[in-house]
Amino acid sequence: MTPREPFAGPGPWQINLPGLGYIETPDDDLAFIYQDTLVALNAARGINIGQPSAHARWLGALGLREGETVIQVGAGSGYYTAILAHLVGRGGRVYAFEIDPDLAERAKANLEHLPQAVVAAQTGIADNLPRVDAIYVCAAITQPCSAWLDALKSGGRLVFPLHAVGGGGGMLMIRRPERGAIWPAGFISNAAFISCIGPQDDETGRRLKAAYATGGGLTVRSFRTDLPTDDTCWFAGDGWWLSTFDPASDPDSVRLSFRP
């Protein structure tokens, strides 16, 4: 078990309850932060330690193994960084990026006992990222970052929240195939995150919101960069699209497959 209190800071705390929003706990009883709820790191900015059950589902889909390397974008105070570090073990490595300098310092202090976790006080949307087996993104964006895709090894997995700034959407998983422009992909669940500080496209965000409203996202089976799109297209971005085509149905298209 990874204790939550070092990452939440001293109580009382602000926790987020469905239908009520943020409320302040009456005291520093640890029972309050071991509920399945958000714990605010900065309520005014909507920065939290995320809901444990949701992260458990997403991390389960990521399927980390001992000895693997992983990038985390949006480390916050380091709580889920610590969990990632335990999943990959002492023989693995977690490269955690946190753009807020104060949170990055907190994360570094909280993770001193885990030498496999390295925190950088900078954006995770950057060129020359290390090559890794997996990328776990804890901030929303309107399109997958090309640097993340380039950083994945063959078979590498990217899990990130795809939605407009200030909105909600889905947690998408993409897996890099051995070859080709058709990557196995699928939505794991709904998701709502504070947005990345970086490249966001307002028009793509509006169209994503409309696409989610009409449903159909659960039929997505692949992420594609081959153009033009065809009648399997569920959503098209700038140079990329999400398709209902299942790569597993065509063994010549890719060697790997994923189903949410």
Protein backbone atom coordinates (compact mmCIF):
# COMPACT_ATOMS: atom_id res chain seq x y z
CA MET A 1 0.00 0.00 0.00
CA THR A 2 1.16 3.52 -0.83
CA PRO A 3 0.19 5.91 2.02
CA ARG A 4 -1.80 8.86 0.70
CA GLU A 5 -1.17 11.36 3.47
CA PRO A 6 2.41 12.40 2.58
CA PHE A 7 1.20 13.35 -0.88
CA ALA A 8 -1.96 15.12 0.31
CA GLY A 9 -0.13 17.22 2.90
CA PRO A 10 -1.39 18.07 6.40
CA GLY A 11 -5.14 18.11 7.05
CA PRO A 12 -7.81 19.19 7.16
CA TRP A 13 -8.20 18.67 3.43
CA GLN A 14 -10.53 19.64 0.65
CA ILE A 15 -12.13 16.60 -0.95
CA ASN A 16 -14.46 16.50 -3.92
CA LEU A 17 -17.77 14.68 -3.48
CA PRO A 18 -20.14 13.92 -6.39
CA GLY A 19 -22.88 16.53 -6.59
CA LEU A 20 -21.33 18.63 -3.82
CA GLY A 21 -17.98 19.71 -5.22
CA TYR A 22 -15.16 20.54 -2.84
CA ILE A 23 -15.84 20.40 0.86
CA GLU A 24 -13.35 20.86 3.69
CA THR A 25 -13.00 17.98 6.09
CA PRO A 26 -13.80 18.87 9.71
CA ASP A 27 -10.42 17.63 10.94
CA ASP A 28 -7.34 15.64 9.90
CA ASP A 29 -8.80 12.16 10.40
CA LEU A 30 -7.08 10.04 7.73
CA ALA A 31 -10.36 8.28 6.97
CA PHE A 32 -11.35 11.30 4.88
CA ILE A 33 -8.54 10.87 2.34
CA TYR A 34 -8.87 7.11 2.11
CA GLN A 35 -12.29 7.41 0.54
CA ASP A 36 -12.69 6.89 -3.21
CA THR A 37 -12.61 10.60 -3.92
CA LEU A 38 -10.48 13.43 -5.25
CA VAL A 39 -8.20 15.17 -2.75
CA ALA A 40 -7.37 18.75 -3.68
CA LEU A 41 -3.79 19.88 -4.11
CA ASN A 42 -5.04 23.24 -5.39
CA ALA A 43 -8.84 23.43 -5.45
CA ALA A 44 -8.89 26.85 -7.11
CA ARG A 45 -7.03 25.41 -10.11
CA GLY A 46 -8.76 22.03 -10.03
CA ILE A 47 -5.53 20.15 -9.32
CA ASN A 48 -6.13 16.97 -7.33
CA ILE A 49 -4.87 13.59 -6.31
CA GLY A 50 -7.21 11.62 -8.55
CA GLN A 51 -9.91 9.10 -7.71
CA PRO A 52 -8.26 5.77 -6.77
CA SER A 53 -10.81 3.49 -8.46
CA ALA A 54 -10.47 5.32 -11.78
CA HIS A 55 -6.67 5.25 -11.72
CA ALA A 56 -6.73 1.59 -10.75
CA ARG A 57 -8.74 0.84 -13.87
CA TRP A 58 -6.46 2.88 -16.14
CA LEU A 59 -3.25 1.51 -14.65
CA GLY A 60 -4.65 -2.00 -14.94
CA ALA A 61 -5.20 -1.43 -18.65
CA LEU A 62 -1.66 -0.06 -19.00
CA GLY A 63 -0.42 -3.45 -17.80
CA LEU A 64 2.96 -2.42 -16.42
CA ARG A 65 5.50 -5.15 -15.65
CA GLU A 66 8.56 -5.20 -13.44
CA GLY A 67 11.60 -3.74 -15.13
CA GLU A 68 9.67 -1.58 -17.59
CA THR A 69 10.20 2.14 -18.16
CA VAL A 70 7.34 4.61 -18.06
CA ILE A 71 6.77 8.33 -18.54
CA GLN A 72 4.18 10.10 -16.42
CA VAL A 73 2.91 13.47 -17.60
CA GLY A 74 1.39 15.51 -14.77
CA ALA A 75 2.91 14.05 -11.62
CA GLY A 76 1.28 16.45 -9.16
CA SER A 77 2.67 15.74 -5.69
CA GLY A 78 3.76 12.26 -6.80
CA TYR A 79 1.11 9.89 -5.45
CA TYR A 80 0.49 7.99 -8.68
CA THR A 81 4.17 8.32 -9.54
CA ALA A 82 4.86 6.26 -6.41
CA ILE A 83 2.36 3.64 -7.52
CA LEU A 84 3.94 3.51 -10.97
CA ALA A 85 7.35 3.09 -9.31
CA HIS A 86 6.09 0.14 -7.26
CA LEU A 87 4.58 -1.46 -10.38
CA VAL A 88 7.84 -1.36 -12.35
CA GLY A 89 10.01 -2.20 -9.31
CA ARG A 90 13.59 -1.26 -8.52
CA GLY A 91 14.70 -2.56 -11.90
CA GLY A 92 12.35 -0.22 -13.76
CA ARG A 93 12.26 3.52 -14.19
CA VAL A 94 9.60 6.23 -13.97
CA TYR A 95 10.26 9.58 -15.62
CA ALA A 96 7.72 11.94 -14.05
CA PHE A 97 7.11 15.39 -15.52
CA GLU A 98 5.40 18.15 -13.56
CA ILE A 99 5.28 21.66 -15.02
CA ASP A 100 4.28 23.37 -11.75
CA PRO A 101 7.58 24.00 -9.90
CA ASP A 102 6.06 23.88 -6.40
CA LEU A 103 4.30 20.58 -7.06
CA ALA A 104 7.46 19.20 -8.68
CA GLU A 105 9.44 19.99 -5.53
CA ARG A 106 6.80 18.31 -3.40
CA ALA A 107 6.92 15.25 -5.64
CA LYS A 108 10.71 15.06 -5.45
CA ALA A 109 10.61 15.15 -1.66
CA ASN A 110 7.81 12.59 -1.48
CA LEU A 111 9.64 10.19 -3.80
CA GLU A 112 13.14 10.34 -2.34
CA HIS A 113 12.77 6.78 -1.05
CA LEU A 114 12.08 5.46 -4.56
CA PRO A 115 15.29 5.73 -6.61
CA GLN A 116 13.56 4.40 -9.73
CA ALA A 117 11.37 7.53 -9.86
CA VAL A 118 12.90 10.66 -11.40
CA VAL A 119 10.94 13.94 -11.31
CA ALA A 120 11.57 16.74 -13.79
CA ALA A 121 10.09 20.21 -13.20
CA GLN A 122 9.14 20.74 -16.82
CA THR A 123 6.47 20.01 -19.38
CA GLY A 124 6.02 16.45 -20.56
CA ILE A 125 5.11 17.73 -24.02
CA ALA A 126 8.65 17.95 -25.29
CA ASP A 127 11.00 16.51 -27.88
CA ASN A 128 13.77 14.07 -26.96
CA LEU A 129 11.73 12.16 -24.41
CA PRO A 130 13.32 8.88 -23.31
CA ARG A 131 12.23 5.71 -25.13
CA VAL A 132 9.81 3.88 -22.88
CA ASP A 133 7.45 0.94 -22.61
CA ALA A 134 4.50 3.04 -21.46
CA ILE A 135 3.27 6.61 -21.04
CA TYR A 136 0.63 7.58 -18.47
CA VAL A 137 -0.82 11.06 -18.91
CA CYS A 138 -2.69 12.80 -16.08
CA ALA A 139 -3.71 15.94 -17.96
CA ALA A 140 -6.17 16.26 -20.84
CA ILE A 141 -5.33 17.19 -24.40
CA THR A 142 -7.26 17.52 -27.65
CA GLN A 143 -4.89 15.33 -29.65
CA PRO A 144 -2.15 12.81 -28.93
CA CYS A 145 1.24 14.49 -28.67
CA SER A 146 3.59 13.34 -31.44
CA ALA A 147 6.48 13.30 -28.97
CA TRP A 148 4.62 10.71 -26.88
CA LEU A 149 4.02 8.51 -29.90
CA ASP A 150 7.68 8.79 -30.95
CA ALA A 151 8.86 7.85 -27.43
CA LEU A 152 7.06 4.49 -27.41
CA LYS A 153 8.98 1.32 -28.04
CA SER A 154 7.39 -1.37 -30.20
CA GLY A 155 4.48 -2.71 -28.18
CA GLY A 156 4.53 0.39 -25.99
CA ARG A 157 1.28 1.70 -24.53
CA LEU A 158 0.01 5.27 -24.24
CA VAL A 159 -2.93 6.05 -21.94
CA PHE A 160 -4.21 9.63 -21.92
CA PRO A 161 -7.42 11.67 -21.48
CA LEU A 162 -8.65 12.92 -24.85
CA HIS A 163 -10.98 15.88 -24.42
CA ALA A 164 -11.43 19.61 -24.77
CA VAL A 165 -10.14 22.17 -22.32
CA GLY A 166 -12.51 22.37 -19.35
CA GLY A 167 -14.58 19.46 -20.59
CA GLY A 168 -14.72 15.71 -20.25
CA GLY A 169 -14.22 12.79 -22.56
CA GLY A 170 -12.53 9.43 -22.57
CA MET A 171 -9.33 7.76 -21.42
CA LEU A 172 -7.80 6.42 -24.62
CA MET A 173 -5.21 3.67 -24.88
CA ILE A 174 -2.99 3.38 -27.96
CA ARG A 175 -0.48 0.62 -28.54
CA ARG A 176 2.48 1.00 -30.91
CA PRO A 177 2.63 -1.85 -33.43
CA GLU A 178 5.80 -3.34 -34.85
CA ARG A 179 5.08 -1.58 -38.11
CA GLY A 180 2.42 0.32 -40.00
CA ALA A 181 0.16 3.33 -39.58
CA ILE A 182 -2.73 1.48 -37.91
CA TRP A 183 -2.25 1.27 -34.16
CA PRO A 184 -4.54 -0.80 -31.93
CA ALA A 185 -6.55 1.54 -29.68
CA GLY A 186 -9.64 1.78 -27.55
CA PHE A 187 -11.32 3.84 -24.86
CA ILE A 188 -10.98 2.45 -21.34
CA SER A 189 -13.60 4.64 -19.67
CA ASN A 190 -14.88 8.18 -19.32
CA ALA A 191 -12.41 10.72 -17.95
CA ALA A 192 -12.24 14.37 -16.92
CA PHE A 193 -8.91 16.06 -16.17
CA ILE A 194 -7.39 19.48 -15.86
CA SER A 195 -5.89 20.26 -19.26
CA CYS A 196 -2.25 20.13 -20.31
CA ILE A 197 -0.45 23.42 -20.56
CA GLY A 198 0.61 23.19 -24.17
CA PRO A 199 -0.80 22.60 -27.64
CA GLN A 200 -4.59 22.50 -27.50
CA ASP A 201 -6.86 22.94 -30.52
CA ASP A 202 -10.16 24.64 -29.71
CA GLU A 203 -11.89 23.50 -32.90
CA THR A 204 -10.82 19.89 -32.36
CA GLY A 205 -12.04 20.20 -28.78
CA ARG A 206 -15.48 21.36 -29.93
CA ARG A 207 -15.74 18.50 -32.38
CA LEU A 208 -14.61 16.00 -29.74
CA LYS A 209 -17.33 17.24 -27.40
CA ALA A 210 -19.91 16.74 -30.14
CA ALA A 211 -18.58 13.27 -30.97
CA TYR A 212 -18.76 12.15 -27.34
CA ALA A 213 -22.31 13.48 -27.12
CA THR A 214 -23.46 11.29 -30.00
CA GLY A 215 -21.80 8.17 -28.54
CA GLY A 216 -20.03 5.47 -30.47
CA GLY A 217 -16.64 5.90 -28.84
CA LEU A 218 -16.73 2.35 -27.50
CA THR A 219 -16.57 1.09 -31.08
CA VAL A 220 -13.10 2.60 -31.60
CA ARG A 221 -10.51 -0.11 -32.28
CA SER A 222 -7.59 1.74 -33.87
CA PHE A 223 -5.63 4.97 -34.03
CA ARG A 224 -4.57 5.77 -37.60
CA THR A 225 -2.31 8.16 -39.46
CA ASP A 226 -2.93 6.76 -42.95
CA LEU A 227 -4.97 9.19 -45.04
CA PRO A 228 -7.56 9.71 -46.38
CA THR A 229 -10.06 8.47 -43.81
CA ASP A 230 -12.70 5.91 -44.74
CA ASP A 231 -16.16 4.93 -43.56
CA THR A 232 -14.71 3.37 -40.38
CA CYS A 233 -13.73 6.83 -39.08
CA TRP A 234 -15.28 7.75 -35.72
CA PHE A 235 -13.30 10.96 -35.26
CA ALA A 236 -10.66 12.74 -37.36
CA GLY A 237 -8.04 15.13 -36.04
CA ASP A 238 -5.22 16.92 -37.82
CA GLY A 239 -3.29 14.10 -39.49
CA TRP A 240 -4.77 11.37 -37.27
CA TRP A 241 -8.07 9.60 -36.80
CA LEU A 242 -9.85 7.06 -34.65
CA SER A 243 -11.36 4.14 -36.49
CA THR A 244 -13.73 1.28 -35.79
CA PHE A 245 -11.47 -0.98 -37.88
CA ASP A 246 -10.06 -3.76 -35.71
CA PRO A 247 -6.40 -4.50 -36.60
CA ALA A 248 -6.79 -7.99 -35.16
CA SER A 249 -9.11 -8.77 -38.09
CA ASP A 250 -6.26 -8.13 -40.54
CA PRO A 251 -3.02 -9.84 -39.46
CA ASP A 252 -1.12 -8.04 -42.23
CA SER A 253 -1.89 -4.60 -40.79
CA VAL A 254 -0.21 -4.93 -37.38
CA ARG A 255 1.22 -7.59 -35.09
CA LEU A 256 -0.39 -6.47 -31.82
CA SER A 257 -3.93 -5.85 -30.70
CA PHE A 258 -5.74 -4.28 -27.79
CA ARG A 259 -9.33 -4.32 -26.64
CA PRO A 260 -10.63 -2.06 -23.84
